[in-house]
Amino acid sequence: MRKARVAVLAVVLTMGLLLLAGNAWAAVIEIPIDNHSFETNSGYGDYGYGWVCPPGWIPVNDVDNIGYFHKIYLSAGYVGDYAMMADAGMGEGLSVYAYQDTGVTFQTGYIYTLTVAIGTQINLGDGVATQISLREATGDTSLASLDYSTATDLIDKTLEYTAVAADDGKEIRVRLQATYPADPGDAAAFDNVRLTYTPEPATLALMGLGGVGLLVRRKRR
């Protein structure tokens, strides 16, 4: 009878701990992104666009072609009044991009989710090749990326990455990139950058099962 009670206790505790692990897994934790919707800009006002990279982001390649759009240049899907602009001034097949180092490090087994609204300037051509990526800040090493050919409306695009042991402790970098087609008038728009992570469920479950084992062992004594 005592063994039966111990077995029942083990099952109940296991189910409870697994439920707790599942709840922890379900918790999505936000990583702050500075100026995530590009509302902070150089003060050009509500009439157009600016050629200065929005604060919080670092432009690379042709810094004069990273700026921002006011909403009058956008169709739908944007947040607030502004979005980041990546203009086609560099020429066909060339890329410009901007990045932000988050100050947060990768943790082994955690799932990182990057979501960005991507589109293009209203009344101009679609089909600007864009890419969002999660990278290691040191060395700018790409860990995961998603490519998207723009439509006029800004559409949420999501990238997921599960960190491995080699990533552990390395700072997370977010990068937004545009590569231009033949038409020099095209320009990509990025908005509402969101980065989250969720902990690994397997580790939590194993910890729970280990705790059950210790409780059962004590009960048998």
C-alpha atoms as a PDB file:
ATOM      1  CA  MET A   1       0.000   0.000   0.000  1.00  0.00           C
ATOM      2  CA  ARG A   2       2.858   2.354   0.848  1.00  0.00           C
ATOM      3  CA  LYS A   3       4.508   1.730  -2.518  1.00  0.00           C
ATOM      4  CA  ALA A   4       1.211   2.448  -4.252  1.00  0.00           C
ATOM      5  CA  ARG A   5       0.890   5.762  -2.431  1.00  0.00           C
ATOM      6  CA  VAL A   6       4.442   6.685  -3.376  1.00  0.00           C
ATOM      7  CA  ALA A   7       3.720   5.840  -7.020  1.00  0.00           C
ATOM      8  CA  VAL A   8       0.565   7.968  -7.021  1.00  0.00           C
ATOM      9  CA  LEU A   9       2.468  10.836  -5.389  1.00  0.00           C
ATOM     10  CA  ALA A  10       5.162  10.594  -8.037  1.00  0.00           C
ATOM     11  CA  VAL A  11       2.608  10.749 -10.842  1.00  0.00           C
ATOM     12  CA  VAL A  12       0.808  13.740  -9.307  1.00  0.00           C
ATOM     13  CA  LEU A  13       4.045  15.622  -8.703  1.00  0.00           C
ATOM     14  CA  THR A  14       5.292  14.833 -12.200  1.00  0.00           C
ATOM     15  CA  MET A  15       2.096  16.129 -13.782  1.00  0.00           C
ATOM     16  CA  GLY A  16       2.208  19.286 -11.668  1.00  0.00           C
ATOM     17  CA  LEU A  17       5.837  20.012 -12.457  1.00  0.00           C
ATOM     18  CA  LEU A  18       5.343  19.368 -16.154  1.00  0.00           C
ATOM     19  CA  LEU A  19       2.386  21.742 -16.083  1.00  0.00           C
ATOM     20  CA  LEU A  20       4.576  24.387 -14.484  1.00  0.00           C
ATOM     21  CA  ALA A  21       7.232  23.765 -17.115  1.00  0.00           C
ATOM     22  CA  GLY A  22       4.611  24.118 -19.817  1.00  0.00           C
ATOM     23  CA  ASN A  23       3.468  27.427 -18.359  1.00  0.00           C
ATOM     24  CA  ALA A  24       7.059  28.675 -18.295  1.00  0.00           C
ATOM     25  CA  TRP A  25       7.458  27.570 -21.896  1.00  0.00           C
ATOM     26  CA  ALA A  26       4.312  29.442 -22.840  1.00  0.00           C
ATOM     27  CA  ALA A  27       5.677  32.662 -21.324  1.00  0.00           C
ATOM     28  CA  VAL A  28       7.051  34.912 -24.055  1.00  0.00           C
ATOM     29  CA  ILE A  29       9.626  37.402 -22.807  1.00  0.00           C
ATOM     30  CA  GLU A  30      10.237  40.608 -24.721  1.00  0.00           C
ATOM     31  CA  ILE A  31      13.737  41.896 -25.478  1.00  0.00           C
ATOM     32  CA  PRO A  32      13.582  45.706 -25.727  1.00  0.00           C
ATOM     33  CA  ILE A  33      14.485  47.210 -29.104  1.00  0.00           C
ATOM     34  CA  ASP A  34      15.448  50.869 -29.005  1.00  0.00           C
ATOM     35  CA  ASN A  35      13.293  53.021 -31.311  1.00  0.00           C
ATOM     36  CA  HIS A  36      11.548  49.861 -32.520  1.00  0.00           C
ATOM     37  CA  SER A  37       8.918  51.689 -34.595  1.00  0.00           C
ATOM     38  CA  PHE A  38      11.198  54.556 -35.670  1.00  0.00           C
ATOM     39  CA  GLU A  39       9.084  57.275 -34.099  1.00  0.00           C
ATOM     40  CA  THR A  40      12.245  59.033 -32.897  1.00  0.00           C
ATOM     41  CA  ASN A  41      13.839  60.742 -35.892  1.00  0.00           C
ATOM     42  CA  SER A  42      15.734  63.863 -36.879  1.00  0.00           C
ATOM     43  CA  GLY A  43      12.686  66.132 -36.793  1.00  0.00           C
ATOM     44  CA  TYR A  44      11.799  66.615 -40.433  1.00  0.00           C
ATOM     45  CA  GLY A  45       8.177  66.950 -39.401  1.00  0.00           C
ATOM     46  CA  ASP A  46       5.027  65.384 -40.760  1.00  0.00           C
ATOM     47  CA  TYR A  47       5.510  66.129 -44.427  1.00  0.00           C
ATOM     48  CA  GLY A  48       7.867  63.571 -45.918  1.00  0.00           C
ATOM     49  CA  TYR A  49      11.026  61.691 -45.255  1.00  0.00           C
ATOM     50  CA  GLY A  50      14.511  62.151 -43.847  1.00  0.00           C
ATOM     51  CA  TRP A  51      17.943  60.995 -44.887  1.00  0.00           C
ATOM     52  CA  VAL A  52      19.259  60.495 -41.371  1.00  0.00           C
ATOM     53  CA  CYS A  53      19.318  57.009 -39.864  1.00  0.00           C
ATOM     54  CA  PRO A  54      16.816  56.779 -36.981  1.00  0.00           C
ATOM     55  CA  PRO A  55      18.476  56.934 -33.528  1.00  0.00           C
ATOM     56  CA  GLY A  56      19.234  53.577 -31.957  1.00  0.00           C
ATOM     57  CA  TRP A  57      20.210  52.044 -35.308  1.00  0.00           C
ATOM     58  CA  ILE A  58      23.596  51.977 -37.030  1.00  0.00           C
ATOM     59  CA  PRO A  59      23.668  52.257 -40.855  1.00  0.00           C
ATOM     60  CA  VAL A  60      26.199  50.352 -42.954  1.00  0.00           C
ATOM     61  CA  ASN A  61      27.435  50.686 -46.572  1.00  0.00           C
ATOM     62  CA  ASP A  62      25.741  53.872 -47.789  1.00  0.00           C
ATOM     63  CA  VAL A  63      24.662  55.813 -44.726  1.00  0.00           C
ATOM     64  CA  ASP A  64      22.889  58.463 -46.803  1.00  0.00           C
ATOM     65  CA  ASN A  65      20.383  55.886 -48.044  1.00  0.00           C
ATOM     66  CA  ILE A  66      19.094  54.826 -44.632  1.00  0.00           C
ATOM     67  CA  GLY A  67      16.459  57.201 -43.290  1.00  0.00           C
ATOM     68  CA  TYR A  68      12.753  57.233 -42.548  1.00  0.00           C
ATOM     69  CA  PHE A  69       9.359  57.622 -44.200  1.00  0.00           C
ATOM     70  CA  HIS A  70       6.429  59.559 -42.834  1.00  0.00           C
ATOM     71  CA  LYS A  71       3.144  57.636 -43.067  1.00  0.00           C
ATOM     72  CA  ILE A  72       2.004  59.697 -46.066  1.00  0.00           C
ATOM     73  CA  TYR A  73       4.487  57.651 -48.098  1.00  0.00           C
ATOM     74  CA  LEU A  74       3.158  54.316 -46.792  1.00  0.00           C
ATOM     75  CA  SER A  75       0.101  52.249 -47.660  1.00  0.00           C
ATOM     76  CA  ALA A  76      -0.875  50.047 -44.710  1.00  0.00           C
ATOM     77  CA  GLY A  77       0.622  47.894 -41.984  1.00  0.00           C
ATOM     78  CA  TYR A  78       2.812  50.563 -40.374  1.00  0.00           C
ATOM     79  CA  VAL A  79       2.780  51.535 -36.681  1.00  0.00           C
ATOM     80  CA  GLY A  80       2.760  55.163 -35.547  1.00  0.00           C
ATOM     81  CA  ASP A  81       3.793  57.930 -37.946  1.00  0.00           C
ATOM     82  CA  TYR A  82       7.150  56.718 -39.256  1.00  0.00           C
ATOM     83  CA  ALA A  83       9.037  53.720 -40.639  1.00  0.00           C
ATOM     84  CA  MET A  84      12.683  53.136 -41.523  1.00  0.00           C
ATOM     85  CA  MET A  85      13.536  53.739 -45.190  1.00  0.00           C
ATOM     86  CA  ALA A  86      16.230  51.902 -47.161  1.00  0.00           C
ATOM     87  CA  ASP A  87      16.528  53.760 -50.450  1.00  0.00           C
ATOM     88  CA  ALA A  88      17.758  52.393 -53.773  1.00  0.00           C
ATOM     89  CA  GLY A  89      20.377  55.049 -54.382  1.00  0.00           C
ATOM     90  CA  MET A  90      23.328  52.638 -54.337  1.00  0.00           C
ATOM     91  CA  GLY A  91      22.277  50.935 -57.564  1.00  0.00           C
ATOM     92  CA  GLU A  92      21.169  47.541 -58.796  1.00  0.00           C
ATOM     93  CA  GLY A  93      22.240  44.500 -56.808  1.00  0.00           C
ATOM     94  CA  LEU A  94      23.841  46.448 -53.967  1.00  0.00           C
ATOM     95  CA  SER A  95      22.718  46.393 -50.345  1.00  0.00           C
ATOM     96  CA  VAL A  96      22.318  48.778 -47.465  1.00  0.00           C
ATOM     97  CA  TYR A  97      21.418  47.781 -43.951  1.00  0.00           C
ATOM     98  CA  ALA A  98      21.100  49.012 -40.400  1.00  0.00           C
ATOM     99  CA  TYR A  99      21.613  47.048 -37.211  1.00  0.00           C
ATOM    100  CA  GLN A 100      21.127  47.272 -33.464  1.00  0.00           C
ATOM    101  CA  ASP A 101      22.985  45.431 -30.709  1.00  0.00           C
ATOM    102  CA  THR A 102      20.489  44.543 -27.990  1.00  0.00           C
ATOM    103  CA  GLY A 103      22.762  44.187 -24.957  1.00  0.00           C
ATOM    104  CA  VAL A 104      21.126  40.779 -24.340  1.00  0.00           C
ATOM    105  CA  THR A 105      22.988  37.490 -24.831  1.00  0.00           C
ATOM    106  CA  PHE A 106      21.887  34.207 -26.361  1.00  0.00           C
ATOM    107  CA  GLN A 107      21.081  31.333 -23.988  1.00  0.00           C
ATOM    108  CA  THR A 108      21.411  27.738 -25.130  1.00  0.00           C
ATOM    109  CA  GLY A 109      18.073  26.138 -26.039  1.00  0.00           C
ATOM    110  CA  TYR A 110      16.075  29.366 -25.912  1.00  0.00           C
ATOM    111  CA  ILE A 111      13.900  30.144 -28.927  1.00  0.00           C
ATOM    112  CA  TYR A 112      14.297  33.697 -30.248  1.00  0.00           C
ATOM    113  CA  THR A 113      11.588  35.245 -32.431  1.00  0.00           C
ATOM    114  CA  LEU A 114      12.200  38.337 -34.549  1.00  0.00           C
ATOM    115  CA  THR A 115       9.167  39.995 -36.188  1.00  0.00           C
ATOM    116  CA  VAL A 116       9.406  43.004 -38.511  1.00  0.00           C
ATOM    117  CA  ALA A 117       6.793  44.724 -40.690  1.00  0.00           C
ATOM    118  CA  ILE A 118       8.287  45.029 -44.190  1.00  0.00           C
ATOM    119  CA  GLY A 119       6.967  46.790 -47.285  1.00  0.00           C
ATOM    120  CA  THR A 120       7.791  49.538 -49.735  1.00  0.00           C
ATOM    121  CA  GLN A 121       6.980  53.136 -50.542  1.00  0.00           C
ATOM    122  CA  ILE A 122       3.480  53.751 -51.846  1.00  0.00           C
ATOM    123  CA  ASN A 123       3.088  54.257 -55.626  1.00  0.00           C
ATOM    124  CA  LEU A 124       6.509  52.767 -56.344  1.00  0.00           C
ATOM    125  CA  GLY A 125       7.486  49.318 -57.559  1.00  0.00           C
ATOM    126  CA  ASP A 126       7.305  46.229 -55.384  1.00  0.00           C
ATOM    127  CA  GLY A 127       9.942  43.561 -55.331  1.00  0.00           C
ATOM    128  CA  VAL A 128      12.777  45.088 -53.302  1.00  0.00           C
ATOM    129  CA  ALA A 129      14.751  42.160 -51.881  1.00  0.00           C
ATOM    130  CA  THR A 130      14.906  42.500 -48.102  1.00  0.00           C
ATOM    131  CA  GLN A 131      16.375  40.406 -45.328  1.00  0.00           C
ATOM    132  CA  ILE A 132      16.010  40.368 -41.560  1.00  0.00           C
ATOM    133  CA  SER A 133      18.541  38.453 -39.491  1.00  0.00           C
ATOM    134  CA  LEU A 134      19.630  37.502 -35.989  1.00  0.00           C
ATOM    135  CA  ARG A 135      23.376  37.682 -35.565  1.00  0.00           C
ATOM    136  CA  GLU A 136      26.207  37.523 -33.075  1.00  0.00           C
ATOM    137  CA  ALA A 137      27.312  41.087 -32.433  1.00  0.00           C
ATOM    138  CA  THR A 138      30.987  40.154 -32.280  1.00  0.00           C
ATOM    139  CA  GLY A 139      32.034  39.511 -35.855  1.00  0.00           C
ATOM    140  CA  ASP A 140      28.510  40.159 -37.200  1.00  0.00           C
ATOM    141  CA  THR A 141      28.028  36.409 -37.716  1.00  0.00           C
ATOM    142  CA  SER A 142      24.593  35.528 -39.128  1.00  0.00           C
ATOM    143  CA  LEU A 143      22.800  32.785 -37.191  1.00  0.00           C
ATOM    144  CA  ALA A 144      19.430  32.919 -38.929  1.00  0.00           C
ATOM    145  CA  SER A 145      17.875  35.052 -41.654  1.00  0.00           C
ATOM    146  CA  LEU A 146      14.639  35.477 -43.592  1.00  0.00           C
ATOM    147  CA  ASP A 147      14.401  36.890 -47.135  1.00  0.00           C
ATOM    148  CA  TYR A 148      11.336  38.709 -48.431  1.00  0.00           C
ATOM    149  CA  SER A 149      10.508  40.475 -51.709  1.00  0.00           C
ATOM    150  CA  THR A 150       8.423  43.486 -50.758  1.00  0.00           C
ATOM    151  CA  ALA A 151       4.807  44.328 -51.538  1.00  0.00           C
ATOM    152  CA  THR A 152       3.355  47.827 -51.074  1.00  0.00           C
ATOM    153  CA  ASP A 153       1.669  47.122 -47.738  1.00  0.00           C
ATOM    154  CA  LEU A 154       3.910  46.501 -44.758  1.00  0.00           C
ATOM    155  CA  ILE A 155       3.475  42.863 -43.746  1.00  0.00           C
ATOM    156  CA  ASP A 156       4.758  41.179 -40.584  1.00  0.00           C
ATOM    157  CA  LYS A 157       7.533  38.706 -41.303  1.00  0.00           C
ATOM    158  CA  THR A 158       8.779  36.400 -38.553  1.00  0.00           C
ATOM    159  CA  LEU A 159      12.069  34.602 -38.047  1.00  0.00           C
ATOM    160  CA  GLU A 160      12.687  31.985 -35.322  1.00  0.00           C
ATOM    161  CA  TYR A 161      16.003  30.670 -34.082  1.00  0.00           C
ATOM    162  CA  THR A 162      16.906  28.184 -31.336  1.00  0.00           C
ATOM    163  CA  ALA A 163      20.264  29.042 -29.774  1.00  0.00           C
ATOM    164  CA  VAL A 164      22.882  26.290 -29.607  1.00  0.00           C
ATOM    165  CA  ALA A 165      25.736  25.867 -27.149  1.00  0.00           C
ATOM    166  CA  ALA A 166      28.177  27.770 -29.376  1.00  0.00           C
ATOM    167  CA  ASP A 167      25.936  30.868 -29.145  1.00  0.00           C
ATOM    168  CA  ASP A 168      25.723  30.910 -25.362  1.00  0.00           C
ATOM    169  CA  GLY A 169      26.671  34.254 -23.819  1.00  0.00           C
ATOM    170  CA  LYS A 170      27.115  36.088 -27.127  1.00  0.00           C
ATOM    171  CA  GLU A 171      25.314  39.386 -27.650  1.00  0.00           C
ATOM    172  CA  ILE A 172      22.292  39.443 -29.965  1.00  0.00           C
ATOM    173  CA  ARG A 173      22.343  41.734 -33.002  1.00  0.00           C
ATOM    174  CA  VAL A 174      19.272  42.523 -35.142  1.00  0.00           C
ATOM    175  CA  ARG A 175      19.911  43.523 -38.772  1.00  0.00           C
ATOM    176  CA  LEU A 176      17.554  44.945 -41.423  1.00  0.00           C
ATOM    177  CA  GLN A 177      18.795  44.856 -45.012  1.00  0.00           C
ATOM    178  CA  ALA A 178      17.589  45.838 -48.488  1.00  0.00           C
ATOM    179  CA  THR A 179      19.077  44.888 -51.880  1.00  0.00           C
ATOM    180  CA  TYR A 180      17.890  46.837 -54.868  1.00  0.00           C
ATOM    181  CA  PRO A 181      16.458  45.791 -58.218  1.00  0.00           C
ATOM    182  CA  ALA A 182      17.079  47.661 -61.461  1.00  0.00           C
ATOM    183  CA  ASP A 183      14.601  50.461 -60.730  1.00  0.00           C
ATOM    184  CA  PRO A 184      16.483  53.157 -58.768  1.00  0.00           C
ATOM    185  CA  GLY A 185      13.201  54.607 -57.476  1.00  0.00           C
ATOM    186  CA  ASP A 186      12.287  51.635 -55.300  1.00  0.00           C
ATOM    187  CA  ALA A 187      12.731  51.830 -51.549  1.00  0.00           C
ATOM    188  CA  ALA A 188      12.067  49.321 -48.764  1.00  0.00           C
ATOM    189  CA  ALA A 189      10.298  50.220 -45.523  1.00  0.00           C
ATOM    190  CA  PHE A 190      10.794  48.512 -42.137  1.00  0.00           C
ATOM    191  CA  ASP A 191       8.651  49.066 -39.044  1.00  0.00           C
ATOM    192  CA  ASN A 192       7.632  47.710 -35.634  1.00  0.00           C
ATOM    193  CA  VAL A 193      10.674  45.560 -34.860  1.00  0.00           C
ATOM    194  CA  ARG A 194       9.926  43.023 -32.104  1.00  0.00           C
ATOM    195  CA  LEU A 195      12.254  40.487 -30.497  1.00  0.00           C
ATOM    196  CA  THR A 196      11.179  37.892 -27.928  1.00  0.00           C
ATOM    197  CA  TYR A 197      12.445  34.653 -26.441  1.00  0.00           C
ATOM    198  CA  THR A 198      10.951  31.635 -24.728  1.00  0.00           C
ATOM    199  CA  PRO A 199      12.896  29.246 -22.472  1.00  0.00           C
ATOM    200  CA  GLU A 200      13.605  25.679 -23.482  1.00  0.00           C
ATOM    201  CA  PRO A 201      10.879  23.300 -22.189  1.00  0.00           C
ATOM    202  CA  ALA A 202      13.067  20.200 -22.064  1.00  0.00           C
ATOM    203  CA  THR A 203      15.394  21.652 -19.436  1.00  0.00           C
ATOM    204  CA  LEU A 204      12.475  22.698 -17.259  1.00  0.00           C
ATOM    205  CA  ALA A 205      10.840  19.288 -17.559  1.00  0.00           C
ATOM    206  CA  LEU A 206      14.062  17.475 -16.643  1.00  0.00           C
ATOM    207  CA  MET A 207      14.466  19.677 -13.595  1.00  0.00           C
ATOM    208  CA  GLY A 208      10.909  18.819 -12.587  1.00  0.00           C
ATOM    209  CA  LEU A 209      11.452  15.093 -13.031  1.00  0.00           C
ATOM    210  CA  GLY A 210      14.676  15.296 -11.033  1.00  0.00           C
ATOM    211  CA  GLY A 211      12.779  16.939  -8.203  1.00  0.00           C
ATOM    212  CA  VAL A 212      10.181  14.174  -8.288  1.00  0.00           C
ATOM    213  CA  GLY A 213      12.900  11.551  -8.053  1.00  0.00           C
ATOM    214  CA  LEU A 214      14.355  13.148  -4.944  1.00  0.00           C
ATOM    215  CA  LEU A 215      10.938  13.380  -3.297  1.00  0.00           C
ATOM    216  CA  VAL A 216      10.158   9.738  -4.034  1.00  0.00           C
ATOM    217  CA  ARG A 217      13.536   8.649  -2.703  1.00  0.00           C
ATOM    218  CA  ARG A 218      12.972  10.539   0.531  1.00  0.00           C
ATOM    219  CA  LYS A 219       9.492   9.050   0.898  1.00  0.00           C
ATOM    220  CA  ARG A 220      10.838   5.514   0.553  1.00  0.00           C
ATOM    221  CA  ARG A 221      13.257   6.135   3.386  1.00  0.00           C
END
